[in-house]
Protein backbone atom coordinates (compact mmCIF):
# COMPACT_ATOMS: atom_id res chain seq x y z
CA MET A 1 81.71 111.27 115.19
CA THR A 2 80.52 113.34 112.23
CA ASP A 3 78.83 111.89 109.17
CA ILE A 4 81.96 112.42 107.11
CA GLN A 5 84.12 110.70 109.73
CA ALA A 6 81.65 107.81 109.81
CA ALA A 7 81.77 107.53 106.02
CA ILE A 8 85.57 107.48 106.06
CA SER A 9 85.59 104.92 108.86
CA ALA A 10 83.14 102.67 107.01
CA ALA A 11 85.12 102.98 103.77
CA ALA A 12 88.40 102.21 105.57
CA ALA A 13 86.85 99.10 107.12
CA GLY A 14 85.61 98.11 103.66
CA MET A 15 89.11 98.53 102.23
CA HIS A 16 90.51 96.32 104.99
CA ALA A 17 87.90 93.63 104.25
CA GLN A 18 88.53 93.77 100.50
CA SER A 19 92.30 93.53 100.96
CA LEU A 20 91.72 90.33 102.96
CA ARG A 21 89.53 88.97 100.16
CA MET A 22 92.24 89.79 97.59
CA ARG A 23 94.97 88.19 99.68
CA LEU A 24 93.01 84.98 100.23
CA ALA A 25 92.00 84.73 96.57
CA ALA A 26 95.65 85.16 95.55
CA GLU A 27 96.73 82.44 98.01
CA ASN A 28 94.02 80.13 96.70
CA VAL A 29 95.09 80.66 93.08
CA ALA A 30 98.76 80.21 93.97
CA ASN A 31 98.01 76.83 95.55
CA ALA A 32 95.40 75.61 93.05
CA GLN A 33 97.59 72.79 91.76
CA SER A 34 99.45 71.81 94.93
CA THR A 35 99.06 68.28 96.25
CA GLY A 36 100.03 66.46 99.36
CA ALA A 37 103.45 64.83 99.47
CA SER A 38 101.91 61.39 99.96
CA PRO A 39 98.53 59.73 99.28
CA ASN A 40 97.55 60.16 102.94
CA GLU A 41 98.33 63.88 103.07
CA GLU A 42 95.59 66.39 102.25
CA PRO A 43 96.22 68.95 99.52
CA PHE A 44 95.78 72.68 100.04
CA ARG A 45 92.28 73.57 101.25
CA ARG A 46 90.63 76.74 99.92
CA ARG A 47 90.18 79.57 102.44
CA ILE A 48 87.23 81.97 102.50
CA PRO A 49 87.14 85.36 104.26
CA LEU A 50 84.76 85.65 107.19
CA LEU A 51 83.22 89.14 107.19
CA GLU A 52 80.52 90.57 109.43
CA SER A 53 78.28 93.60 109.09
CA THR A 54 78.43 95.93 112.10
CA THR A 55 76.73 99.19 112.99
CA LEU A 56 78.68 102.20 114.29
CA THR A 57 77.39 104.34 117.15
CA ASN A 58 75.97 106.93 114.74
CA GLY A 59 74.04 104.29 112.79
CA ALA A 60 76.42 103.88 109.86
CA VAL A 61 76.80 100.28 108.72
CA THR A 62 80.30 98.95 108.16
CA VAL A 63 82.05 95.64 107.75
CA SER A 64 84.46 93.96 110.14
CA VAL A 65 86.89 91.14 109.44
CA ARG A 66 86.46 88.05 111.59
CA GLY A 67 89.21 86.04 109.91
CA ALA A 68 89.14 83.21 107.40
CA VAL A 69 87.61 79.76 107.37
CA TYR A 70 88.41 76.64 105.37
CA ASP A 71 86.09 75.63 102.55
CA MET A 72 85.06 72.09 103.46
CA SER A 73 83.86 71.14 99.97
CA PRO A 74 85.38 67.92 98.58
CA PHE A 75 88.75 67.89 96.88
CA ARG A 76 89.03 67.40 93.13
CA GLN A 77 90.46 64.09 91.94
CA GLU A 78 92.62 63.49 88.91
CA TYR A 79 93.83 60.20 87.51
CA ASN A 80 97.64 60.24 87.50
CA PRO A 81 99.09 56.92 88.72
CA SER A 82 102.71 58.10 88.29
CA HIS A 83 102.27 60.98 90.78
CA PRO A 84 103.90 60.44 94.22
CA ALA A 85 100.64 61.43 95.96
CA ALA A 86 98.48 59.00 93.94
CA ASP A 87 96.40 56.53 95.94
CA SER A 88 96.22 52.79 95.22
CA ASP A 89 93.67 53.44 92.42
CA GLY A 90 95.95 56.03 90.74
CA TYR A 91 93.97 59.12 91.75
CA VAL A 92 95.59 62.28 93.12
CA ARG A 93 93.59 64.61 95.35
CA LEU A 94 93.85 68.25 94.24
CA PRO A 95 92.80 71.41 96.08
CA ASN A 96 89.13 72.42 96.09
CA VAL A 97 90.07 75.65 94.32
CA ASP A 98 88.36 76.77 91.12
CA THR A 99 90.67 79.39 89.59
CA LEU A 100 87.82 80.96 87.61
CA VAL A 101 85.82 81.57 90.80
CA GLU A 102 88.91 82.92 92.55
CA MET A 103 89.70 85.31 89.69
CA MET A 104 86.12 86.59 89.68
CA ASP A 105 86.28 87.08 93.45
CA LEU A 106 89.62 88.88 93.07
CA ARG A 107 88.14 91.18 90.44
CA ASP A 108 85.07 91.87 92.58
CA ALA A 109 87.22 92.63 95.65
CA THR A 110 89.45 94.95 93.60
CA ARG A 111 86.45 96.94 92.39
CA ALA A 112 84.96 97.15 95.88
CA TYR A 113 88.34 98.32 97.22
CA GLU A 114 88.46 101.04 94.55
CA ALA A 115 84.88 102.10 95.38
CA ASN A 116 85.81 102.49 99.05
CA LEU A 117 88.91 104.44 98.09
CA ASN A 118 86.77 106.75 95.95
CA MET A 119 84.44 107.23 98.93
CA ILE A 120 87.33 108.37 101.12
CA GLU A 121 88.52 110.74 98.37
CA ALA A 122 84.99 112.19 98.02
CA ALA A 123 84.74 112.72 101.78
CA ARG A 124 88.14 114.41 101.80
CA THR A 125 87.08 116.69 98.93
CA MET A 126 83.84 117.62 100.70
CA THR A 127 85.74 118.46 103.88
CA SER A 128 88.22 120.56 101.95
CA ARG A 129 85.44 122.49 100.17
CA ALA A 130 83.60 123.05 103.43
CA LEU A 131 86.77 124.50 104.97
CA ASP A 132 87.24 126.74 101.92
CA LEU A 133 83.69 128.05 102.35
CA LEU A 134 84.28 128.75 106.03
CA ARG A 135 87.46 130.73 105.29
CA ARG A 136 85.57 133.26 103.13
């Protein structure tokens, strides 16, 4: 594998990882206000991407997606005794999702995705210029 191929491979893996981060952040935001149907039912639990750094055979470092895990932090509670999912004290358990954190993560993942895309474009441009030089 050439250095340019390794760069493209690492950038593609990065794009895959960032798309997972964006998807999970969007799911978390979409479910930020969902509750269980009853007091005994848990609300939506935030999911976090599980990424791992790996090294390619030529020494280039890339990222691989291992899946997603549940955030085990405590649920938020809100006093709303008229809600169907309220417990005997009138509190409703809400997801452990902070929309501000999710939006920042979404923004960060979008920028990282764009950076990886720019890396692939730069590698493609370098390859094209090298071929142009060889044709002369």
